[in-house]
N, C-alpha and C. Protein backbone atom coordinates (compact mmCIF):
# COMPACT_ATOMS: atom_id res chain seq x y z
N MET A 1 120.92 95.05 128.15
CA MET A 1 120.29 96.29 127.70
C MET A 1 120.71 96.57 126.25
N LEU A 2 119.77 96.88 125.41
CA LEU A 2 120.07 97.14 124.02
C LEU A 2 120.68 98.52 123.85
N LYS A 3 121.70 98.58 122.99
CA LYS A 3 122.31 99.86 122.69
C LYS A 3 121.53 100.57 121.59
N LYS A 4 121.42 101.86 121.72
CA LYS A 4 120.74 102.64 120.70
C LYS A 4 121.65 102.74 119.48
N LEU A 5 121.11 102.43 118.31
CA LEU A 5 121.89 102.48 117.09
C LEU A 5 122.22 103.92 116.73
N SER A 6 123.45 104.15 116.29
CA SER A 6 123.84 105.47 115.82
C SER A 6 123.10 105.77 114.53
N PHE A 7 123.05 107.06 114.18
CA PHE A 7 122.39 107.44 112.93
C PHE A 7 123.08 106.79 111.75
N TYR A 8 124.43 106.72 111.78
CA TYR A 8 125.18 106.11 110.67
C TYR A 8 124.81 104.64 110.53
N THR A 9 124.77 103.91 111.67
CA THR A 9 124.44 102.49 111.61
C THR A 9 123.02 102.27 111.13
N HIS A 10 122.08 103.07 111.65
CA HIS A 10 120.68 102.96 111.23
C HIS A 10 120.56 103.23 109.73
N SER A 11 121.27 104.26 109.25
CA SER A 11 121.19 104.61 107.83
C SER A 11 121.78 103.50 106.97
N ARG A 12 122.90 102.90 107.43
CA ARG A 12 123.54 101.83 106.65
C ARG A 12 122.63 100.61 106.56
N ILE A 13 122.01 100.24 107.68
CA ILE A 13 121.10 99.10 107.70
C ILE A 13 119.90 99.38 106.79
N ALA A 14 119.38 100.60 106.85
CA ALA A 14 118.23 100.96 106.01
C ALA A 14 118.60 100.90 104.53
N ARG A 15 119.79 101.39 104.19
CA ARG A 15 120.23 101.34 102.79
C ARG A 15 120.36 99.90 102.32
N LEU A 16 120.94 99.06 103.17
CA LEU A 16 121.15 97.67 102.80
C LEU A 16 119.81 96.95 102.63
N ALA A 17 118.89 97.19 103.57
CA ALA A 17 117.57 96.56 103.49
C ALA A 17 116.83 97.02 102.24
N ALA A 18 116.92 98.31 101.94
CA ALA A 18 116.24 98.84 100.76
C ALA A 18 116.83 98.24 99.49
N GLY A 19 118.15 98.13 99.46
CA GLY A 19 118.79 97.56 98.29
C GLY A 19 118.41 96.12 98.07
N LEU A 20 118.39 95.32 99.13
CA LEU A 20 118.00 93.92 99.02
C LEU A 20 116.56 93.78 98.57
N ALA A 21 115.67 94.57 99.16
CA ALA A 21 114.26 94.50 98.79
C ALA A 21 114.06 94.93 97.34
N SER A 22 114.80 95.95 96.92
CA SER A 22 114.65 96.45 95.56
C SER A 22 115.07 95.42 94.54
N VAL A 23 116.25 94.83 94.72
CA VAL A 23 116.74 93.86 93.75
C VAL A 23 115.88 92.61 93.75
N ALA A 24 115.44 92.18 94.94
CA ALA A 24 114.60 90.98 95.02
C ALA A 24 113.29 91.17 94.27
N ALA A 25 112.78 92.39 94.24
CA ALA A 25 111.50 92.65 93.59
C ALA A 25 111.63 92.88 92.09
N LEU A 26 112.84 93.19 91.63
CA LEU A 26 113.01 93.58 90.24
C LEU A 26 113.34 92.38 89.36
N LEU A 27 112.37 91.53 89.14
CA LEU A 27 112.56 90.39 88.25
C LEU A 27 112.33 90.78 86.81
N ALA A 28 111.78 91.96 86.60
CA ALA A 28 111.60 92.50 85.25
C ALA A 28 111.84 93.99 85.32
N ILE A 29 112.16 94.58 84.17
CA ILE A 29 112.38 96.03 84.14
C ILE A 29 111.10 96.73 84.58
N PRO A 30 111.16 97.60 85.58
CA PRO A 30 109.97 98.29 86.05
C PRO A 30 109.38 99.20 84.97
N THR A 31 108.08 99.17 84.83
CA THR A 31 107.42 99.97 83.79
C THR A 31 106.33 100.85 84.39
N ALA A 32 106.52 101.27 85.62
CA ALA A 32 105.52 102.11 86.27
C ALA A 32 105.48 103.49 85.62
N ALA A 33 104.43 104.24 85.95
CA ALA A 33 104.31 105.59 85.41
C ALA A 33 105.53 106.40 85.83
N GLY A 34 105.99 107.25 84.92
CA GLY A 34 107.16 108.06 85.22
C GLY A 34 108.46 107.36 84.87
N ALA A 35 108.40 106.18 84.23
CA ALA A 35 109.61 105.44 83.86
C ALA A 35 109.87 105.59 82.36
N VAL A 36 111.12 105.86 82.02
CA VAL A 36 111.53 105.98 80.63
C VAL A 36 112.53 104.88 80.33
N ALA A 37 112.21 104.03 79.33
CA ALA A 37 113.06 102.89 78.99
C ALA A 37 113.96 103.24 77.81
N ASN A 38 115.20 102.73 77.89
CA ASN A 38 116.15 102.88 76.80
C ASN A 38 116.88 101.55 76.62
N TRP A 39 117.56 101.42 75.50
CA TRP A 39 118.33 100.21 75.24
C TRP A 39 119.71 100.59 74.74
N PHE A 40 120.72 99.97 75.33
CA PHE A 40 122.10 100.15 74.89
C PHE A 40 122.59 98.79 74.40
N GLY A 41 122.25 98.45 73.16
CA GLY A 41 122.58 97.12 72.66
C GLY A 41 121.82 96.07 73.45
N SER A 42 122.53 95.16 74.10
CA SER A 42 121.90 94.10 74.88
C SER A 42 121.51 94.54 76.29
N TRP A 43 121.84 95.77 76.66
CA TRP A 43 121.47 96.30 77.97
C TRP A 43 120.08 96.92 77.92
N ASP A 44 119.27 96.63 78.94
CA ASP A 44 118.01 97.35 79.17
C ASP A 44 118.30 98.44 80.19
N TYR A 45 117.67 99.59 80.02
CA TYR A 45 117.93 100.70 80.94
C TYR A 45 116.63 101.46 81.19
N VAL A 46 116.35 101.71 82.47
CA VAL A 46 115.13 102.45 82.83
C VAL A 46 115.48 103.53 83.84
N LEU A 47 114.96 104.72 83.60
CA LEU A 47 115.09 105.83 84.54
C LEU A 47 113.69 106.22 85.00
N ARG A 48 113.47 106.21 86.32
CA ARG A 48 112.17 106.58 86.88
C ARG A 48 112.25 107.94 87.54
N HIS A 49 111.13 108.67 87.48
CA HIS A 49 111.05 110.01 88.06
C HIS A 49 109.97 110.04 89.14
N ASP A 50 110.10 110.97 90.07
CA ASP A 50 109.09 111.13 91.09
C ASP A 50 107.97 112.03 90.58
N ALA A 51 107.01 112.34 91.47
CA ALA A 51 105.85 113.13 91.05
C ALA A 51 106.23 114.54 90.61
N GLU A 52 107.40 115.03 91.06
CA GLU A 52 107.86 116.36 90.69
C GLU A 52 108.75 116.35 89.45
N GLY A 53 108.92 115.15 88.86
CA GLY A 53 109.73 115.06 87.65
C GLY A 53 111.21 114.91 87.90
N GLN A 54 111.61 114.71 89.17
CA GLN A 54 113.02 114.54 89.49
C GLN A 54 113.40 113.07 89.40
N PRO A 55 114.61 112.75 88.90
CA PRO A 55 115.02 111.34 88.81
C PRO A 55 115.10 110.71 90.19
N MET A 56 114.52 109.51 90.33
CA MET A 56 114.52 108.85 91.64
C MET A 56 115.09 107.43 91.60
N ALA A 57 115.21 106.83 90.41
CA ALA A 57 115.75 105.48 90.33
C ALA A 57 116.24 105.19 88.92
N ALA A 58 117.38 104.51 88.84
CA ALA A 58 117.93 104.07 87.55
C ALA A 58 118.25 102.58 87.65
N PHE A 59 117.86 101.83 86.62
CA PHE A 59 118.09 100.39 86.59
C PHE A 59 118.73 100.01 85.25
N ALA A 60 119.83 99.28 85.30
CA ALA A 60 120.45 98.75 84.09
C ALA A 60 120.49 97.24 84.24
N ARG A 61 120.14 96.52 83.18
CA ARG A 61 120.05 95.06 83.25
C ARG A 61 120.67 94.42 82.02
N LEU A 62 121.48 93.39 82.25
CA LEU A 62 122.08 92.62 81.16
C LEU A 62 121.81 91.14 81.40
N ARG A 63 121.35 90.45 80.37
CA ARG A 63 121.10 89.02 80.48
C ARG A 63 122.38 88.23 80.22
N GLY A 64 122.61 87.20 81.05
CA GLY A 64 123.76 86.33 80.90
C GLY A 64 123.32 84.93 80.53
N GLU A 65 124.21 83.97 80.73
CA GLU A 65 123.91 82.59 80.37
C GLU A 65 122.95 81.95 81.37
N ASN A 66 122.19 80.98 80.89
CA ASN A 66 121.29 80.18 81.73
C ASN A 66 120.33 81.02 82.57
N GLY A 67 119.83 82.09 82.00
CA GLY A 67 118.83 82.90 82.69
C GLY A 67 119.37 83.83 83.76
N SER A 68 120.67 84.01 83.82
CA SER A 68 121.23 84.91 84.84
C SER A 68 121.05 86.36 84.42
N LEU A 69 121.10 87.27 85.39
CA LEU A 69 120.93 88.69 85.15
C LEU A 69 121.97 89.48 85.93
N LEU A 70 122.51 90.50 85.30
CA LEU A 70 123.38 91.46 85.97
C LEU A 70 122.61 92.76 86.11
N TRP A 71 122.50 93.25 87.36
CA TRP A 71 121.73 94.45 87.65
C TRP A 71 122.64 95.56 88.18
N LEU A 72 122.41 96.77 87.74
CA LEU A 72 122.95 97.97 88.36
C LEU A 72 121.76 98.80 88.81
N THR A 73 121.74 99.18 90.06
CA THR A 73 120.58 99.89 90.63
C THR A 73 121.05 101.10 91.42
N CYS A 74 120.42 102.23 91.19
CA CYS A 74 120.66 103.43 91.98
C CYS A 74 119.29 104.02 92.29
N GLN A 75 119.00 104.26 93.58
CA GLN A 75 117.63 104.64 93.92
C GLN A 75 117.59 105.51 95.17
N ARG A 76 116.63 106.41 95.17
CA ARG A 76 116.31 107.21 96.36
C ARG A 76 114.90 106.82 96.76
N GLN A 77 114.73 106.36 98.01
CA GLN A 77 113.46 105.75 98.41
C GLN A 77 113.07 106.20 99.81
N VAL A 78 111.78 106.47 100.00
CA VAL A 78 111.25 106.83 101.32
C VAL A 78 110.77 105.57 102.02
N LEU A 79 111.43 105.19 103.10
CA LEU A 79 111.05 104.00 103.86
C LEU A 79 110.24 104.35 105.09
N ASP A 80 110.47 105.54 105.63
CA ASP A 80 109.80 105.97 106.84
C ASP A 80 109.49 107.45 106.70
N SER A 81 108.23 107.82 106.87
CA SER A 81 107.83 109.21 106.69
C SER A 81 108.51 110.15 107.67
N ASP A 82 108.99 109.59 108.80
CA ASP A 82 109.65 110.41 109.81
C ASP A 82 111.15 110.55 109.57
N GLN A 83 111.67 109.86 108.54
CA GLN A 83 113.09 109.88 108.26
C GLN A 83 113.33 110.42 106.85
N PRO A 84 114.53 110.98 106.61
CA PRO A 84 114.83 111.44 105.25
C PRO A 84 114.92 110.26 104.30
N PRO A 85 114.79 110.49 102.99
CA PRO A 85 114.86 109.39 102.02
C PRO A 85 116.18 108.63 102.13
N VAL A 86 116.11 107.34 101.88
CA VAL A 86 117.30 106.48 101.89
C VAL A 86 117.79 106.34 100.46
N SER A 87 119.07 106.59 100.24
CA SER A 87 119.66 106.46 98.92
C SER A 87 120.64 105.31 98.91
N PHE A 88 120.67 104.56 97.82
CA PHE A 88 121.60 103.45 97.73
C PHE A 88 121.94 103.15 96.29
N ILE A 89 123.09 102.51 96.11
CA ILE A 89 123.55 102.07 94.80
C ILE A 89 124.08 100.65 94.96
N THR A 90 123.67 99.75 94.08
CA THR A 90 124.08 98.35 94.19
C THR A 90 124.38 97.77 92.81
N ALA A 91 125.21 96.73 92.82
CA ALA A 91 125.40 95.88 91.65
C ALA A 91 125.06 94.47 92.11
N ALA A 92 124.28 93.74 91.33
CA ALA A 92 123.81 92.42 91.76
C ALA A 92 123.81 91.45 90.59
N VAL A 93 123.99 90.17 90.92
CA VAL A 93 123.89 89.10 89.95
C VAL A 93 122.82 88.13 90.44
N ALA A 94 121.83 87.86 89.61
CA ALA A 94 120.75 86.93 89.95
C ALA A 94 120.79 85.73 89.02
N GLN A 95 120.42 84.57 89.54
CA GLN A 95 120.35 83.36 88.72
C GLN A 95 119.25 82.46 89.25
N LYS A 96 119.02 81.31 88.62
CA LYS A 96 117.84 80.51 88.90
C LYS A 96 117.94 79.68 90.16
N GLN A 97 119.13 79.26 90.54
CA GLN A 97 119.28 78.35 91.67
C GLN A 97 119.21 79.09 92.99
N TYR A 98 118.66 78.42 93.99
CA TYR A 98 118.52 79.03 95.32
C TYR A 98 119.89 79.14 95.98
N LEU A 99 120.18 80.32 96.51
CA LEU A 99 121.48 80.56 97.14
C LEU A 99 121.38 80.70 98.65
N GLY A 100 120.18 81.01 99.14
CA GLY A 100 120.02 81.23 100.57
C GLY A 100 120.45 82.64 100.97
N ARG A 101 120.24 82.96 102.24
CA ARG A 101 120.58 84.29 102.73
C ARG A 101 121.90 84.26 103.49
N SER A 102 122.65 85.33 103.34
CA SER A 102 123.88 85.49 104.11
C SER A 102 123.61 86.44 105.28
N ASP A 103 124.55 86.50 106.21
CA ASP A 103 124.43 87.52 107.26
C ASP A 103 124.85 88.86 106.66
N PRO A 104 124.68 89.97 107.40
CA PRO A 104 124.98 91.28 106.83
C PRO A 104 126.42 91.45 106.36
N ARG A 105 127.34 90.63 106.88
CA ARG A 105 128.73 90.74 106.44
C ARG A 105 128.93 90.14 105.06
N GLY A 106 128.00 89.30 104.61
CA GLY A 106 128.08 88.72 103.27
C GLY A 106 128.96 87.49 103.21
N ARG A 107 129.11 86.97 101.99
CA ARG A 107 129.97 85.83 101.72
C ARG A 107 131.04 86.23 100.73
N SER A 108 132.19 85.61 100.82
CA SER A 108 133.26 85.87 99.87
C SER A 108 132.81 85.44 98.48
N THR A 109 132.93 86.32 97.52
CA THR A 109 132.50 86.07 96.15
C THR A 109 133.64 86.42 95.21
N VAL A 110 133.96 85.49 94.31
CA VAL A 110 135.07 85.68 93.38
C VAL A 110 134.53 86.06 92.01
N TYR A 111 135.18 87.03 91.36
CA TYR A 111 134.76 87.41 90.01
C TYR A 111 135.98 87.82 89.18
N TRP A 112 135.85 87.69 87.86
CA TRP A 112 136.92 88.01 86.93
C TRP A 112 136.39 88.93 85.84
N PHE A 113 137.21 89.86 85.42
CA PHE A 113 136.95 90.64 84.21
C PHE A 113 137.91 90.17 83.13
N ASP A 114 137.40 89.81 81.97
CA ASP A 114 138.20 89.40 80.83
C ASP A 114 139.16 88.25 81.16
N GLY A 115 138.76 87.36 82.06
CA GLY A 115 139.59 86.22 82.39
C GLY A 115 140.88 86.59 83.10
N GLY A 116 140.96 87.79 83.66
CA GLY A 116 142.18 88.24 84.33
C GLY A 116 142.29 87.71 85.75
N SER A 117 143.04 88.41 86.57
CA SER A 117 143.24 87.98 87.95
C SER A 117 141.93 88.03 88.71
N PRO A 118 141.65 87.01 89.52
CA PRO A 118 140.40 87.00 90.28
C PRO A 118 140.38 88.09 91.35
N GLU A 119 139.20 88.66 91.55
CA GLU A 119 138.98 89.63 92.61
C GLU A 119 137.97 89.05 93.58
N VAL A 120 138.14 89.38 94.85
CA VAL A 120 137.27 88.83 95.90
C VAL A 120 136.58 89.97 96.63
N GLY A 121 135.27 89.84 96.80
CA GLY A 121 134.52 90.82 97.56
C GLY A 121 133.49 90.12 98.43
N HIS A 122 133.05 90.79 99.48
CA HIS A 122 131.98 90.24 100.32
C HIS A 122 130.64 90.73 99.79
N TRP A 123 129.90 89.81 99.18
CA TRP A 123 128.59 90.13 98.63
C TRP A 123 127.52 89.65 99.60
N VAL A 124 126.43 90.39 99.67
CA VAL A 124 125.30 90.01 100.52
C VAL A 124 124.32 89.21 99.67
N TYR A 125 123.83 88.09 100.23
CA TYR A 125 122.97 87.17 99.47
C TYR A 125 121.56 87.14 100.02
N ARG A 126 120.63 86.96 99.08
CA ARG A 126 119.23 86.77 99.44
C ARG A 126 118.55 85.95 98.35
N ASP A 127 118.04 84.81 98.73
CA ASP A 127 117.30 83.94 97.81
C ASP A 127 118.16 83.52 96.61
N ARG A 128 117.99 84.19 95.46
CA ARG A 128 118.68 83.76 94.24
C ARG A 128 119.63 84.81 93.67
N HIS A 129 120.00 85.75 94.49
CA HIS A 129 120.94 86.75 93.99
C HIS A 129 121.95 87.15 95.07
N GLY A 130 123.09 87.64 94.59
CA GLY A 130 124.10 88.22 95.47
C GLY A 130 124.39 89.63 94.99
N GLN A 131 124.71 90.52 95.93
CA GLN A 131 124.93 91.90 95.53
C GLN A 131 126.06 92.54 96.31
N ILE A 132 126.69 93.52 95.67
CA ILE A 132 127.75 94.31 96.31
C ILE A 132 127.07 95.38 97.15
N PRO A 133 127.33 95.44 98.46
CA PRO A 133 126.56 96.33 99.32
C PRO A 133 127.09 97.74 99.47
N GLU A 134 128.40 97.95 99.34
CA GLU A 134 128.97 99.25 99.65
C GLU A 134 129.10 100.13 98.41
N PRO A 135 128.70 101.40 98.48
CA PRO A 135 128.76 102.29 97.31
C PRO A 135 130.15 102.38 96.68
N GLU A 136 131.20 102.48 97.51
CA GLU A 136 132.55 102.61 96.95
C GLU A 136 132.90 101.38 96.12
N GLN A 137 132.52 100.20 96.60
CA GLN A 137 132.80 98.97 95.87
C GLN A 137 131.99 98.90 94.57
N VAL A 138 130.76 99.40 94.61
CA VAL A 138 129.92 99.41 93.41
C VAL A 138 130.52 100.33 92.36
N HIS A 139 130.95 101.51 92.77
CA HIS A 139 131.56 102.45 91.83
C HIS A 139 132.80 101.84 91.17
N ALA A 140 133.63 101.16 91.97
CA ALA A 140 134.83 100.52 91.44
C ALA A 140 134.45 99.40 90.47
N PHE A 141 133.40 98.64 90.81
CA PHE A 141 132.93 97.55 89.95
C PHE A 141 132.43 98.10 88.61
N VAL A 142 131.65 99.15 88.64
CA VAL A 142 131.12 99.75 87.41
C VAL A 142 132.26 100.30 86.56
N GLU A 143 133.27 100.87 87.21
CA GLU A 143 134.43 101.40 86.47
C GLU A 143 135.15 100.29 85.72
N ARG A 144 135.35 99.14 86.37
CA ARG A 144 135.98 98.01 85.72
C ARG A 144 135.09 97.42 84.63
N LEU A 145 133.80 97.34 84.93
CA LEU A 145 132.84 96.78 83.99
C LEU A 145 132.81 97.57 82.68
N ALA A 146 132.94 98.89 82.78
CA ALA A 146 132.84 99.76 81.61
C ALA A 146 133.95 99.50 80.60
N GLN A 147 135.04 98.88 81.04
CA GLN A 147 136.18 98.66 80.16
C GLN A 147 136.34 97.19 79.76
N ALA A 148 135.40 96.33 80.18
CA ALA A 148 135.56 94.88 80.01
C ALA A 148 134.76 94.34 78.84
N GLN A 149 135.13 93.14 78.41
CA GLN A 149 134.41 92.42 77.37
C GLN A 149 133.75 91.15 77.90
N SER A 150 134.09 90.78 79.13
CA SER A 150 133.44 89.62 79.75
C SER A 150 133.53 89.74 81.26
N LEU A 151 132.57 89.12 81.92
CA LEU A 151 132.53 89.08 83.38
C LEU A 151 132.12 87.68 83.80
N THR A 152 132.90 87.10 84.71
CA THR A 152 132.57 85.79 85.28
C THR A 152 132.44 85.94 86.79
N VAL A 153 131.36 85.43 87.35
CA VAL A 153 131.11 85.55 88.79
C VAL A 153 130.84 84.16 89.36
N GLU A 154 131.51 83.85 90.47
CA GLU A 154 131.24 82.61 91.21
C GLU A 154 130.39 82.96 92.42
N LEU A 155 129.08 82.82 92.26
CA LEU A 155 128.18 83.02 93.39
C LEU A 155 128.32 81.83 94.35
N SER A 156 128.13 82.10 95.63
CA SER A 156 128.30 81.05 96.63
C SER A 156 126.97 80.79 97.33
N ASN A 157 126.52 79.51 97.35
CA ASN A 157 125.25 79.22 98.00
C ASN A 157 125.44 79.01 99.50
N TYR A 158 124.37 78.66 100.19
CA TYR A 158 124.42 78.54 101.65
C TYR A 158 125.34 77.42 102.11
N ARG A 159 125.69 76.50 101.22
CA ARG A 159 126.66 75.45 101.53
C ARG A 159 128.07 75.83 101.08
N TYR A 160 128.21 77.06 100.63
CA TYR A 160 129.48 77.58 100.12
C TYR A 160 129.95 76.81 98.88
N GLU A 161 128.99 76.34 98.09
CA GLU A 161 129.28 75.73 96.80
C GLU A 161 129.19 76.81 95.72
N ALA A 162 130.15 76.79 94.78
CA ALA A 162 130.21 77.83 93.76
C ALA A 162 129.19 77.60 92.66
N ARG A 163 128.58 78.67 92.20
CA ARG A 163 127.67 78.67 91.06
C ARG A 163 128.19 79.72 90.09
N THR A 164 128.83 79.27 89.00
CA THR A 164 129.49 80.19 88.08
C THR A 164 128.54 80.68 86.99
N VAL A 165 128.53 82.00 86.79
CA VAL A 165 127.74 82.61 85.71
C VAL A 165 128.64 83.52 84.90
N GLU A 166 128.34 83.63 83.61
CA GLU A 166 129.17 84.44 82.72
C GLU A 166 128.32 85.44 81.94
N PHE A 167 128.92 86.60 81.68
CA PHE A 167 128.28 87.64 80.90
C PHE A 167 129.24 88.09 79.82
N ARG A 168 128.74 88.14 78.58
CA ARG A 168 129.51 88.66 77.47
C ARG A 168 129.15 90.12 77.27
N LEU A 169 130.14 90.97 77.14
CA LEU A 169 129.92 92.40 77.11
C LEU A 169 130.38 93.01 75.78
N ASN A 170 129.54 93.85 75.21
CA ASN A 170 129.97 94.68 74.10
C ASN A 170 130.60 95.93 74.70
N ALA A 171 131.89 96.15 74.43
CA ALA A 171 132.63 97.21 75.11
C ALA A 171 131.99 98.59 74.92
N ALA A 172 131.57 98.90 73.69
CA ALA A 172 130.98 100.21 73.43
C ALA A 172 129.65 100.37 74.16
N ASP A 173 128.78 99.34 74.10
CA ASP A 173 127.48 99.41 74.77
C ASP A 173 127.65 99.54 76.28
N THR A 174 128.56 98.74 76.84
CA THR A 174 128.76 98.75 78.29
C THR A 174 129.34 100.07 78.75
N SER A 175 130.25 100.64 77.98
CA SER A 175 130.81 101.95 78.32
C SER A 175 129.73 103.01 78.31
N ASN A 176 128.84 102.97 77.33
CA ASN A 176 127.76 103.95 77.23
C ASN A 176 126.77 103.82 78.39
N VAL A 177 126.41 102.58 78.74
CA VAL A 177 125.44 102.41 79.81
C VAL A 177 126.06 102.77 81.15
N ALA A 178 127.35 102.50 81.32
CA ALA A 178 128.02 102.88 82.58
C ALA A 178 128.08 104.39 82.72
N GLU A 179 128.38 105.09 81.64
CA GLU A 179 128.43 106.55 81.68
C GLU A 179 127.06 107.13 82.00
N ARG A 180 126.01 106.59 81.37
CA ARG A 180 124.65 107.07 81.63
C ARG A 180 124.25 106.76 83.08
N PHE A 181 124.59 105.57 83.55
CA PHE A 181 124.24 105.17 84.92
C PHE A 181 124.92 106.09 85.93
N ARG A 182 126.20 106.38 85.73
CA ARG A 182 126.92 107.25 86.66
C ARG A 182 126.31 108.65 86.68
N LYS A 183 125.95 109.16 85.49
CA LYS A 183 125.37 110.50 85.41
C LYS A 183 124.02 110.54 86.11
N ASP A 184 123.14 109.58 85.80
CA ASP A 184 121.81 109.56 86.42
C ASP A 184 121.92 109.34 87.93
N CYS A 185 122.89 108.52 88.35
CA CYS A 185 123.03 108.24 89.77
C CYS A 185 123.46 109.49 90.53
N ARG A 186 124.32 110.31 89.93
CA ARG A 186 124.69 111.57 90.59
C ARG A 186 123.47 112.45 90.78
N ASP A 187 122.58 112.48 89.78
CA ASP A 187 121.35 113.27 89.91
C ASP A 187 120.43 112.71 90.99
N ILE A 188 120.31 111.38 91.03
CA ILE A 188 119.44 110.73 92.01
C ILE A 188 119.94 110.94 93.42
N LEU A 189 121.25 110.79 93.62
CA LEU A 189 121.84 110.92 94.95
C LEU A 189 122.16 112.36 95.31
N ARG A 190 121.85 113.28 94.37
CA ARG A 190 122.10 114.72 94.58
C ARG A 190 123.57 114.99 94.85
N GLU A 191 124.43 114.35 94.06
CA GLU A 191 125.88 114.53 94.21
C GLU A 191 126.39 115.53 93.18
N THR A 192 127.48 116.21 93.53
CA THR A 192 128.13 117.13 92.62
C THR A 192 129.12 116.37 91.75
N PRO A 193 129.07 116.52 90.43
CA PRO A 193 130.01 115.80 89.57
C PRO A 193 131.44 116.19 89.87
N PRO A 194 132.39 115.25 89.72
CA PRO A 194 133.79 115.57 89.99
C PRO A 194 134.32 116.63 89.03
N VAL A 195 135.24 117.46 89.53
CA VAL A 195 135.85 118.51 88.70
C VAL A 195 136.96 117.89 87.88
N PRO A 196 136.94 118.06 86.53
CA PRO A 196 138.02 117.53 85.71
C PRO A 196 139.36 118.07 86.15
N GLU A 197 140.40 117.25 86.00
CA GLU A 197 141.73 117.67 86.46
C GLU A 197 142.18 118.95 85.79
N SER A 198 141.90 119.10 84.47
CA SER A 198 142.30 120.31 83.76
C SER A 198 141.59 121.53 84.33
N GLY A 199 140.28 121.35 84.65
CA GLY A 199 139.53 122.46 85.22
C GLY A 199 140.02 122.82 86.61
N LEU A 200 140.40 121.81 87.40
CA LEU A 200 140.91 122.04 88.74
C LEU A 200 142.22 122.78 88.67
N THR A 201 143.08 122.39 87.72
CA THR A 201 144.37 123.06 87.56
C THR A 201 144.18 124.52 87.18
N ALA A 202 143.23 124.76 86.26
CA ALA A 202 142.96 126.13 85.83
C ALA A 202 142.47 126.98 86.99
N THR A 203 141.63 126.38 87.85
CA THR A 203 141.12 127.10 89.01
C THR A 203 142.25 127.46 89.96
N LYS A 204 143.17 126.52 90.19
CA LYS A 204 144.29 126.77 91.07
C LYS A 204 145.19 127.90 90.52
N LEU A 205 145.38 127.86 89.18
CA LEU A 205 146.22 128.90 88.56
C LEU A 205 145.60 130.27 88.69
N ARG A 206 144.25 130.32 88.56
CA ARG A 206 143.57 131.62 88.70
C ARG A 206 143.71 132.17 90.12
N LYS A 207 143.59 131.24 91.11
CA LYS A 207 143.70 131.67 92.50
C LYS A 207 145.13 132.10 92.84
N ALA A 208 146.10 131.44 92.17
CA ALA A 208 147.49 131.73 92.48
C ALA A 208 147.97 132.99 91.77
N ALA A 209 147.25 133.41 90.73
CA ALA A 209 147.67 134.56 89.96
C ALA A 209 147.56 135.83 90.81
N PRO A 210 148.53 136.76 90.66
CA PRO A 210 148.48 138.02 91.45
C PRO A 210 147.33 138.90 91.03
């Protein structure tokens, strides 16, 4: 007998499926109506709005060696009219060689910032790209990316053979695009921006004052 999926599990699967479909379809910067394109040095950046003028998707793209692409994607998407919109944020690396599909748990993927200590994450694979599936991991990746001058990723194909790609980063451009991406993503996901530590301290002092 099949078990009924919990709302959390259904939502996670929907987010993952939407993210995979979105990145697989984005072989070029989307230029649909309601999209505003910007450039941060070598980064391409597009913000799309819905019919009401609200931000619904942000895409940042950087070209690497041998035709590889680094994508940052944040999107709110309606997959089922009977369900609330699905929101997701992903970081993905695409390249020309076929990688095959992984199971939902992903494959171990090694990457380095600035030639430092290797980091390992479970990336989900589809066709010619691998992507970070969990929002917390994406936020951490973008935070590291914003301070880096280079990124090296060892994508793993269906035979678990490594395919290494490299990206050269302009620190100022990458910091600017990361800041813009984080800001737009908060608007898209309808999140409240974090309270600065100084502001939080001031609030506590006001509450503590007699």
